[in-house]
Amino acid sequence: QVGPTTGLWTCAVRHPQILRCPFRRLSGGRSVETVNSLDFDRRTLAILAAVLAAAVGLTLFFTRSPSAQPAPVVVSGPTTPSTPAPSTSARPSPSGEVVVEVVGKVLRPSVVTLPAGSRVQDAVEAAGGAKPGVDTSDQNLARVLADGEQIRIGLAPPTGPRASPGSSAAPAGGPVDINSASLEDLQEIPGVGPVIAARIVTYREQNGGFRAVEELLEVSGIGEVTFAQMQPLVTVGAGG
């Protein structure tokens, strides 16, 4: 609205926040827009606030975004061999045992079962050990035991030409007929004690005699080692 005397544009104050008219009339009938100082300050603050908000947002985005973590490096070391579990078997299998008889001056004369490869000393200790004062120098305590043999501690050698275990000397009178030999005759065979002799007789009676020398392997307590000692010293007579 143009004032009557000043030639300036006037404007009705429709809004309390507008303090000055945004238009001004110049000479020659031209008018220009004037800038309200309060509006300018608000626009500037709005722009600055927007810029600041954008800057803060970008800063938070980059600072809070998870940084790339390097993949863990797996170092391959030498493989530790697993320790084999201990055997739960309390005793060796029958094929890994020897059965011998320990007699004489020991604390517990008896038939003992030992692992294959055991020595005479092991058999003596299994029978309680020699009695005090007993001379064991006549025994080779380091000798490996033969299955089914008899260990005599502190006793005189048996009567007759009984060969020591491991010897291939035949008993007196030639080979022993395992179908007719008595207990005493059988004990003349190297590696055969009273226990094995009794088992031979029992097997003979239960099976109607032996048909071949190799059948001795069927007798409990006679293994490959004992049979190898017996084989050249025994024979099968008509009883088989």
Protein backbone atom coordinates (compact mmCIF):
# COMPACT_ATOMS: atom_id res chain seq x y z
CA GLN A 1 0.00 0.00 0.00
CA VAL A 2 1.40 3.42 -0.98
CA GLY A 3 1.40 6.15 1.60
CA PRO A 4 -0.15 9.44 0.62
CA THR A 5 2.81 11.74 1.24
CA THR A 6 6.04 9.74 1.57
CA GLY A 7 6.01 7.84 -1.68
CA LEU A 8 7.06 4.70 0.23
CA TRP A 9 5.26 1.44 0.22
CA THR A 10 3.59 0.62 3.42
CA CYS A 11 2.32 -2.77 4.38
CA ALA A 12 -0.26 -3.86 6.80
CA VAL A 13 1.13 -5.72 9.77
CA ARG A 14 -0.71 -8.97 9.42
CA HIS A 15 1.85 -10.97 11.35
CA PRO A 16 3.44 -9.72 14.55
CA GLN A 17 6.81 -11.18 13.63
CA ILE A 18 7.18 -8.96 10.54
CA LEU A 19 8.71 -5.68 11.71
CA ARG A 20 9.40 -4.01 8.35
CA CYS A 21 7.76 -3.96 4.94
CA PRO A 22 9.65 -6.13 2.47
CA PHE A 23 9.08 -3.65 -0.40
CA ARG A 24 10.41 -0.14 -0.95
CA ARG A 25 9.41 2.31 -3.63
CA LEU A 26 12.17 4.19 -5.38
CA SER A 27 12.02 7.35 -7.47
CA GLY A 28 10.66 6.82 -10.92
CA GLY A 29 7.96 4.49 -9.73
CA ARG A 30 10.23 1.46 -9.23
CA SER A 31 10.06 -0.72 -6.20
CA VAL A 32 12.56 -3.14 -4.75
CA GLU A 33 12.24 -5.83 -2.20
CA THR A 34 13.83 -5.07 1.10
CA VAL A 35 15.28 -7.75 3.28
CA ASN A 36 13.89 -8.21 6.72
CA SER A 37 16.83 -8.56 9.11
CA LEU A 38 14.95 -10.96 11.34
CA ASP A 39 14.04 -13.22 8.39
CA PHE A 40 17.67 -13.21 7.26
CA ASP A 41 18.89 -14.30 10.68
CA ARG A 42 16.40 -17.15 10.79
CA ARG A 43 17.31 -18.41 7.34
CA THR A 44 20.98 -18.29 8.16
CA LEU A 45 20.46 -20.17 11.38
CA ALA A 46 18.33 -22.76 9.60
CA ILE A 47 21.02 -23.35 6.98
CA LEU A 48 23.75 -23.54 9.58
CA ALA A 49 21.67 -25.92 11.65
CA ALA A 50 21.10 -28.14 8.62
CA VAL A 51 24.80 -28.17 7.77
CA LEU A 52 25.72 -28.89 11.37
CA ALA A 53 23.18 -31.69 11.58
CA ALA A 54 24.54 -33.22 8.39
CA ALA A 55 28.09 -32.98 9.68
CA VAL A 56 27.16 -34.57 12.99
CA GLY A 57 25.26 -37.32 11.20
CA LEU A 58 28.20 -38.13 8.94
CA THR A 59 30.57 -38.11 11.89
CA LEU A 60 28.39 -40.49 13.86
CA PHE A 61 27.97 -42.74 10.83
CA PHE A 62 31.69 -43.17 10.26
CA THR A 63 32.66 -43.39 13.93
CA ARG A 64 29.97 -45.88 14.89
CA SER A 65 30.12 -48.11 11.82
CA PRO A 66 31.96 -51.36 12.69
CA SER A 67 35.45 -51.31 11.36
CA ALA A 68 36.54 -54.27 9.32
CA GLN A 69 38.27 -56.75 11.54
CA PRO A 70 40.99 -58.91 10.02
CA ALA A 71 40.12 -62.55 9.85
CA PRO A 72 41.80 -64.56 12.60
CA VAL A 73 44.93 -66.30 11.45
CA VAL A 74 44.86 -70.00 12.16
CA VAL A 75 48.34 -71.30 12.81
CA SER A 76 48.66 -74.90 11.83
CA GLY A 77 50.97 -76.63 14.26
CA PRO A 78 52.25 -80.17 14.26
CA THR A 79 49.60 -82.69 15.04
CA THR A 80 50.07 -84.27 18.44
CA PRO A 81 49.76 -88.01 18.09
CA SER A 82 47.07 -89.41 20.27
CA THR A 83 48.20 -91.59 23.09
CA PRO A 84 46.91 -95.08 22.65
CA ALA A 85 44.59 -96.15 25.36
CA PRO A 86 46.04 -98.67 27.76
CA SER A 87 44.88 -102.19 27.29
CA THR A 88 42.00 -103.14 29.52
CA SER A 89 42.92 -106.79 29.46
CA ALA A 90 44.07 -107.89 32.89
CA ARG A 91 46.01 -110.85 31.56
CA PRO A 92 47.42 -111.98 28.23
CA SER A 93 45.49 -114.29 25.99
CA PRO A 94 46.11 -118.00 26.47
CA SER A 95 48.45 -118.04 23.47
CA GLY A 96 50.64 -115.50 25.27
CA GLU A 97 51.03 -117.49 28.50
CA VAL A 98 53.18 -120.25 29.90
CA VAL A 99 52.09 -122.66 32.63
CA VAL A 100 54.87 -124.13 34.77
CA GLU A 101 55.09 -126.08 38.00
CA VAL A 102 57.38 -124.85 40.78
CA VAL A 103 58.26 -127.52 43.36
CA GLY A 104 60.76 -127.98 46.12
CA LYS A 105 61.93 -125.50 48.73
CA VAL A 106 59.77 -122.54 47.87
CA LEU A 107 57.19 -120.88 50.08
CA ARG A 108 54.19 -121.86 47.94
CA PRO A 109 54.89 -124.83 45.65
CA SER A 110 52.27 -124.59 42.92
CA VAL A 111 51.44 -124.41 39.25
CA VAL A 112 51.77 -120.82 38.10
CA THR A 113 50.68 -119.03 34.93
CA LEU A 114 53.02 -116.35 33.59
CA PRO A 115 53.27 -114.22 30.45
CA ALA A 116 55.17 -115.80 27.57
CA GLY A 117 58.83 -114.87 27.73
CA SER A 118 59.00 -115.00 31.53
CA ARG A 119 62.16 -116.27 33.22
CA VAL A 120 62.81 -118.95 35.83
CA GLN A 121 63.25 -116.16 38.38
CA ASP A 122 59.69 -114.98 37.66
CA ALA A 123 58.31 -118.46 38.30
CA VAL A 124 60.20 -118.79 41.60
CA GLU A 125 58.89 -115.40 42.76
CA ALA A 126 55.35 -116.34 41.73
CA ALA A 127 55.65 -119.37 44.04
CA GLY A 128 56.60 -117.14 46.96
CA GLY A 129 60.35 -117.25 46.42
CA ALA A 130 62.94 -119.70 47.68
CA LYS A 131 63.01 -120.44 51.38
CA PRO A 132 65.78 -118.78 53.42
CA GLY A 133 69.13 -120.47 53.02
CA VAL A 134 68.19 -122.45 49.92
CA ASP A 135 70.91 -122.58 47.29
CA THR A 136 69.53 -121.78 43.83
CA SER A 137 72.88 -121.73 42.05
CA ASP A 138 71.99 -124.96 40.25
CA GLN A 139 69.24 -123.06 38.41
CA ASN A 140 69.72 -120.67 35.53
CA LEU A 141 67.33 -118.04 36.83
CA ALA A 142 67.65 -116.03 33.62
CA ARG A 143 66.47 -118.87 31.38
CA VAL A 144 63.25 -118.31 29.44
CA LEU A 145 60.51 -120.66 30.60
CA ALA A 146 59.09 -123.39 28.41
CA ASP A 147 55.37 -124.02 28.65
CA GLY A 148 54.54 -127.04 30.83
CA GLU A 149 57.95 -127.52 32.41
CA GLN A 150 58.76 -128.18 36.06
CA ILE A 151 61.09 -125.97 38.10
CA ARG A 152 62.77 -127.81 40.98
CA ILE A 153 64.22 -125.59 43.70
CA GLY A 154 66.58 -127.04 46.30
CA LEU A 155 65.91 -130.63 45.28
CA ALA A 156 68.27 -133.33 44.07
CA PRO A 157 68.05 -134.08 40.36
CA PRO A 158 65.32 -136.64 39.56
CA THR A 159 66.35 -140.26 39.22
CA GLY A 160 66.99 -141.46 35.71
CA PRO A 161 68.48 -139.64 32.78
CA ARG A 162 65.88 -136.86 32.73
CA ALA A 163 67.02 -134.19 30.34
CA SER A 164 66.84 -130.54 31.23
CA PRO A 165 64.33 -128.32 29.43
CA GLY A 166 65.55 -127.38 26.00
CA SER A 167 67.63 -130.53 25.68
CA SER A 168 66.80 -133.02 22.95
CA ALA A 169 68.32 -136.01 24.75
CA ALA A 170 65.91 -138.93 24.72
CA PRO A 171 64.87 -140.67 27.95
CA ALA A 172 66.42 -144.02 28.76
CA GLY A 173 64.99 -146.78 26.62
CA GLY A 174 64.33 -144.62 23.58
CA PRO A 175 61.23 -142.60 22.65
CA VAL A 176 58.33 -142.68 25.09
CA ASP A 177 55.10 -144.21 23.83
CA ILE A 178 52.51 -141.64 24.89
CA ASN A 179 49.73 -144.22 24.51
CA SER A 180 51.17 -146.58 27.14
CA ALA A 181 53.60 -144.52 29.25
CA SER A 182 52.91 -144.11 32.97
CA LEU A 183 52.95 -140.78 34.76
CA GLU A 184 56.55 -141.42 35.81
CA ASP A 185 57.58 -142.30 32.26
CA LEU A 186 55.98 -139.18 30.84
CA GLN A 187 57.83 -137.00 33.36
CA GLU A 188 61.08 -138.22 31.87
CA ILE A 189 60.28 -136.15 28.80
CA PRO A 190 61.94 -132.69 28.91
CA GLY A 191 59.47 -129.98 29.84
CA VAL A 192 56.85 -132.37 31.22
CA GLY A 193 56.08 -132.21 34.92
CA PRO A 194 53.44 -134.00 37.00
CA VAL A 195 50.67 -131.64 35.88
CA ILE A 196 51.28 -132.02 32.15
CA ALA A 197 51.85 -135.77 32.53
CA ALA A 198 48.48 -136.12 34.26
CA ARG A 199 46.79 -134.13 31.48
CA ILE A 200 48.35 -136.38 28.83
CA VAL A 201 46.99 -139.47 30.58
CA THR A 202 43.54 -137.88 30.99
CA TYR A 203 43.39 -136.90 27.32
CA ARG A 204 44.51 -140.40 26.32
CA GLU A 205 41.77 -142.03 28.38
CA GLN A 206 39.03 -139.67 27.20
CA ASN A 207 39.88 -139.97 23.51
CA GLY A 208 40.89 -143.62 23.24
CA GLY A 209 44.56 -142.86 22.85
CA PHE A 210 46.64 -140.66 20.59
CA ARG A 211 46.54 -141.20 16.84
CA ALA A 212 49.49 -138.92 16.05
CA VAL A 213 52.23 -137.19 17.99
CA GLU A 214 50.88 -133.81 16.82
CA GLU A 215 47.74 -134.49 18.85
CA LEU A 216 49.74 -133.52 21.94
CA LEU A 217 49.01 -129.91 20.98
CA GLU A 218 45.40 -130.59 22.00
CA VAL A 219 46.51 -131.17 25.60
CA SER A 220 46.09 -128.11 27.79
CA GLY A 221 49.45 -126.63 28.76
CA ILE A 222 51.40 -127.98 25.78
CA GLY A 223 52.32 -125.16 23.45
CA GLU A 224 54.50 -124.94 20.38
CA VAL A 225 57.73 -124.61 22.40
CA THR A 226 57.05 -127.62 24.63
CA PHE A 227 55.85 -129.70 21.69
CA ALA A 228 59.03 -128.92 19.76
CA GLN A 229 61.03 -130.35 22.68
CA MET A 230 58.81 -133.42 23.02
CA GLN A 231 58.30 -134.35 19.38
CA PRO A 232 61.61 -136.19 18.75
CA LEU A 233 61.36 -137.97 22.11
CA VAL A 234 57.87 -139.49 21.88
CA THR A 235 56.06 -141.92 19.69
CA VAL A 236 52.54 -143.26 19.21
CA GLY A 237 52.17 -147.01 19.83
CA ALA A 238 49.45 -149.49 19.03
CA GLY A 239 47.19 -147.98 21.66
CA GLY A 240 46.42 -145.17 19.17
